[in-house]
Amino acid sequence: MSKEKPEIGDIWENKTKTKKYYVVSLGNNYVYCLVKGAGISTKYYDLFRNYTYLGKSKVSIKELFDVAED
């Protein structure tokens, strides 16, 4: 389950509910996220301590970069 172990596509929110974090990559003890177009990294334990798990995204990262053909 993503709430116990972060996975790509998870959405987390900061405690003040002002920013949502989309997990795009996982590293050794780090989670890499997109936040309103900016990339950030945070440690796994900080994610659990400072953020609330919202669920899985309905969109995959691949779909974000798909381009319609004319």
N, C-alpha and C. Protein backbone atom coordinates (compact mmCIF):
# COMPACT_ATOMS: atom_id res chain seq x y z
N MET A 1 0.84 -1.19 0.00
CA MET A 1 0.00 0.00 0.00
C MET A 1 0.88 1.24 0.00
N SER A 2 0.54 2.23 -0.75
CA SER A 2 1.34 3.43 -0.92
C SER A 2 1.48 4.25 0.35
N LYS A 3 0.49 4.20 1.22
CA LYS A 3 0.56 5.01 2.43
C LYS A 3 1.73 4.58 3.32
N GLU A 4 2.05 3.29 3.34
CA GLU A 4 3.17 2.80 4.14
C GLU A 4 4.50 2.88 3.39
N LYS A 5 4.43 2.75 2.08
CA LYS A 5 5.64 2.81 1.25
C LYS A 5 5.32 3.62 0.01
N PRO A 6 5.92 4.82 -0.13
CA PRO A 6 5.60 5.67 -1.27
C PRO A 6 5.86 4.98 -2.60
N GLU A 7 4.99 5.25 -3.57
CA GLU A 7 5.11 4.71 -4.92
C GLU A 7 4.95 5.84 -5.92
N ILE A 8 5.46 5.62 -7.11
CA ILE A 8 5.30 6.61 -8.18
C ILE A 8 3.80 6.78 -8.46
N GLY A 9 3.37 8.01 -8.54
CA GLY A 9 1.96 8.31 -8.80
C GLY A 9 1.18 8.66 -7.55
N ASP A 10 1.80 8.54 -6.38
CA ASP A 10 1.13 8.91 -5.14
C ASP A 10 1.00 10.43 -5.04
N ILE A 11 -0.04 10.87 -4.37
CA ILE A 11 -0.25 12.29 -4.09
C ILE A 11 -0.22 12.47 -2.57
N TRP A 12 0.62 13.39 -2.12
CA TRP A 12 0.73 13.73 -0.71
C TRP A 12 0.46 15.23 -0.57
N GLU A 13 0.01 15.67 0.59
CA GLU A 13 -0.29 17.08 0.82
C GLU A 13 0.39 17.53 2.10
N ASN A 14 0.90 18.79 2.09
CA ASN A 14 1.54 19.29 3.31
C ASN A 14 0.49 19.54 4.39
N LYS A 15 0.95 19.68 5.63
CA LYS A 15 0.04 19.80 6.78
C LYS A 15 -0.86 21.03 6.70
N THR A 16 -0.38 22.11 6.06
CA THR A 16 -1.20 23.32 5.96
C THR A 16 -2.18 23.25 4.78
N LYS A 17 -2.13 22.15 4.03
CA LYS A 17 -3.02 21.90 2.89
C LYS A 17 -2.91 22.97 1.81
N THR A 18 -1.69 23.49 1.62
CA THR A 18 -1.48 24.52 0.61
C THR A 18 -0.76 23.98 -0.63
N LYS A 19 -0.13 22.81 -0.54
CA LYS A 19 0.60 22.24 -1.68
C LYS A 19 0.38 20.74 -1.75
N LYS A 20 0.28 20.25 -2.99
CA LYS A 20 0.18 18.82 -3.23
C LYS A 20 1.45 18.37 -3.92
N TYR A 21 1.93 17.18 -3.56
CA TYR A 21 3.19 16.64 -4.04
C TYR A 21 2.91 15.36 -4.81
N TYR A 22 3.34 15.31 -6.07
CA TYR A 22 3.15 14.15 -6.94
C TYR A 22 4.47 13.39 -7.02
N VAL A 23 4.50 12.16 -6.55
CA VAL A 23 5.73 11.35 -6.54
C VAL A 23 6.04 10.89 -7.96
N VAL A 24 7.23 11.28 -8.45
CA VAL A 24 7.63 10.92 -9.82
C VAL A 24 8.80 9.94 -9.86
N SER A 25 9.55 9.84 -8.78
CA SER A 25 10.71 8.95 -8.76
C SER A 25 11.06 8.61 -7.33
N LEU A 26 11.68 7.44 -7.16
CA LEU A 26 12.11 7.00 -5.84
C LEU A 26 13.61 6.73 -5.87
N GLY A 27 14.30 7.14 -4.83
CA GLY A 27 15.73 6.88 -4.71
C GLY A 27 16.01 6.20 -3.38
N ASN A 28 17.27 6.03 -3.06
CA ASN A 28 17.64 5.45 -1.77
C ASN A 28 17.30 6.43 -0.67
N ASN A 29 16.29 6.13 0.10
CA ASN A 29 15.82 6.94 1.22
C ASN A 29 15.26 8.30 0.80
N TYR A 30 15.05 8.52 -0.49
CA TYR A 30 14.49 9.80 -0.96
C TYR A 30 13.29 9.56 -1.86
N VAL A 31 12.39 10.53 -1.85
CA VAL A 31 11.24 10.55 -2.73
C VAL A 31 11.34 11.83 -3.53
N TYR A 32 11.26 11.75 -4.85
CA TYR A 32 11.32 12.94 -5.70
C TYR A 32 9.91 13.27 -6.16
N CYS A 33 9.52 14.53 -5.98
CA CYS A 33 8.14 14.95 -6.25
C CYS A 33 8.09 16.17 -7.15
N LEU A 34 6.95 16.35 -7.79
CA LEU A 34 6.64 17.59 -8.49
C LEU A 34 5.66 18.37 -7.63
N VAL A 35 5.92 19.66 -7.51
CA VAL A 35 5.05 20.54 -6.74
C VAL A 35 4.81 21.79 -7.58
N LYS A 36 3.62 21.92 -8.14
CA LYS A 36 3.29 23.07 -8.98
C LYS A 36 4.39 23.37 -9.99
N GLY A 37 4.86 22.34 -10.69
CA GLY A 37 5.84 22.51 -11.74
C GLY A 37 7.29 22.50 -11.28
N ALA A 38 7.54 22.59 -9.99
CA ALA A 38 8.91 22.56 -9.49
C ALA A 38 9.22 21.17 -8.94
N GLY A 39 10.44 20.72 -9.10
CA GLY A 39 10.84 19.44 -8.56
C GLY A 39 11.48 19.60 -7.20
N ILE A 40 11.17 18.71 -6.28
CA ILE A 40 11.78 18.72 -4.95
C ILE A 40 12.11 17.29 -4.57
N SER A 41 12.98 17.14 -3.60
CA SER A 41 13.20 15.81 -3.03
C SER A 41 13.07 15.93 -1.52
N THR A 42 12.63 14.86 -0.92
CA THR A 42 12.49 14.82 0.53
C THR A 42 12.84 13.41 1.00
N LYS A 43 13.21 13.27 2.23
CA LYS A 43 13.53 11.96 2.78
C LYS A 43 12.23 11.20 3.06
N TYR A 44 12.28 9.88 2.97
CA TYR A 44 11.10 9.06 3.22
C TYR A 44 10.45 9.42 4.55
N TYR A 45 11.23 9.47 5.62
CA TYR A 45 10.64 9.70 6.93
C TYR A 45 10.02 11.08 7.05
N ASP A 46 10.56 12.07 6.31
CA ASP A 46 9.94 13.41 6.31
C ASP A 46 8.59 13.38 5.63
N LEU A 47 8.45 12.55 4.59
CA LEU A 47 7.17 12.44 3.89
C LEU A 47 6.09 11.98 4.86
N PHE A 48 6.39 10.96 5.65
CA PHE A 48 5.40 10.44 6.60
C PHE A 48 5.13 11.41 7.75
N ARG A 49 6.15 12.12 8.18
CA ARG A 49 6.04 13.01 9.33
C ARG A 49 5.35 14.33 8.96
N ASN A 50 5.64 14.86 7.79
CA ASN A 50 5.20 16.21 7.44
C ASN A 50 4.08 16.30 6.41
N TYR A 51 3.68 15.17 5.84
CA TYR A 51 2.68 15.20 4.78
C TYR A 51 1.58 14.18 5.03
N THR A 52 0.44 14.39 4.39
CA THR A 52 -0.70 13.49 4.51
C THR A 52 -0.91 12.79 3.17
N TYR A 53 -1.07 11.48 3.21
CA TYR A 53 -1.29 10.69 2.00
C TYR A 53 -2.72 10.92 1.51
N LEU A 54 -2.87 11.31 0.23
CA LEU A 54 -4.20 11.55 -0.34
C LEU A 54 -4.67 10.40 -1.22
N GLY A 55 -3.74 9.67 -1.83
CA GLY A 55 -4.12 8.56 -2.69
C GLY A 55 -3.29 8.54 -3.96
N LYS A 56 -3.71 7.71 -4.90
CA LYS A 56 -3.04 7.59 -6.19
C LYS A 56 -3.61 8.62 -7.15
N SER A 57 -2.74 9.12 -8.02
CA SER A 57 -3.18 10.04 -9.06
C SER A 57 -4.00 9.29 -10.09
N LYS A 58 -4.94 9.96 -10.71
CA LYS A 58 -5.73 9.36 -11.78
C LYS A 58 -4.98 9.41 -13.11
N VAL A 59 -3.88 10.17 -13.15
CA VAL A 59 -3.10 10.37 -14.37
C VAL A 59 -1.70 9.81 -14.16
N SER A 60 -1.16 9.19 -15.19
CA SER A 60 0.22 8.73 -15.10
C SER A 60 1.15 9.84 -15.55
N ILE A 61 2.40 9.78 -15.14
CA ILE A 61 3.38 10.79 -15.53
C ILE A 61 3.55 10.78 -17.05
N LYS A 62 3.43 9.62 -17.69
CA LYS A 62 3.54 9.53 -19.15
C LYS A 62 2.45 10.36 -19.81
N GLU A 63 1.22 10.29 -19.29
CA GLU A 63 0.11 11.03 -19.88
C GLU A 63 0.29 12.55 -19.77
N LEU A 64 1.03 12.99 -18.77
CA LEU A 64 1.24 14.42 -18.62
C LEU A 64 2.01 15.01 -19.79
N PHE A 65 2.84 14.19 -20.45
CA PHE A 65 3.68 14.67 -21.53
C PHE A 65 3.24 14.19 -22.91
N ASP A 66 2.10 13.51 -23.00
CA ASP A 66 1.59 13.10 -24.29
C ASP A 66 1.15 14.34 -25.08
N VAL A 67 1.39 14.31 -26.38
CA VAL A 67 1.03 15.42 -27.25
C VAL A 67 0.05 14.91 -28.30
N ALA A 68 -1.02 15.66 -28.51
CA ALA A 68 -2.00 15.29 -29.52
C ALA A 68 -1.41 15.53 -30.90
N GLU A 69 -1.69 14.61 -31.81
CA GLU A 69 -1.23 14.76 -33.19
C GLU A 69 -2.28 15.50 -33.99
N ASP A 70 -1.83 16.33 -34.95
CA ASP A 70 -2.78 17.08 -35.81
C ASP A 70 -3.25 16.24 -36.94
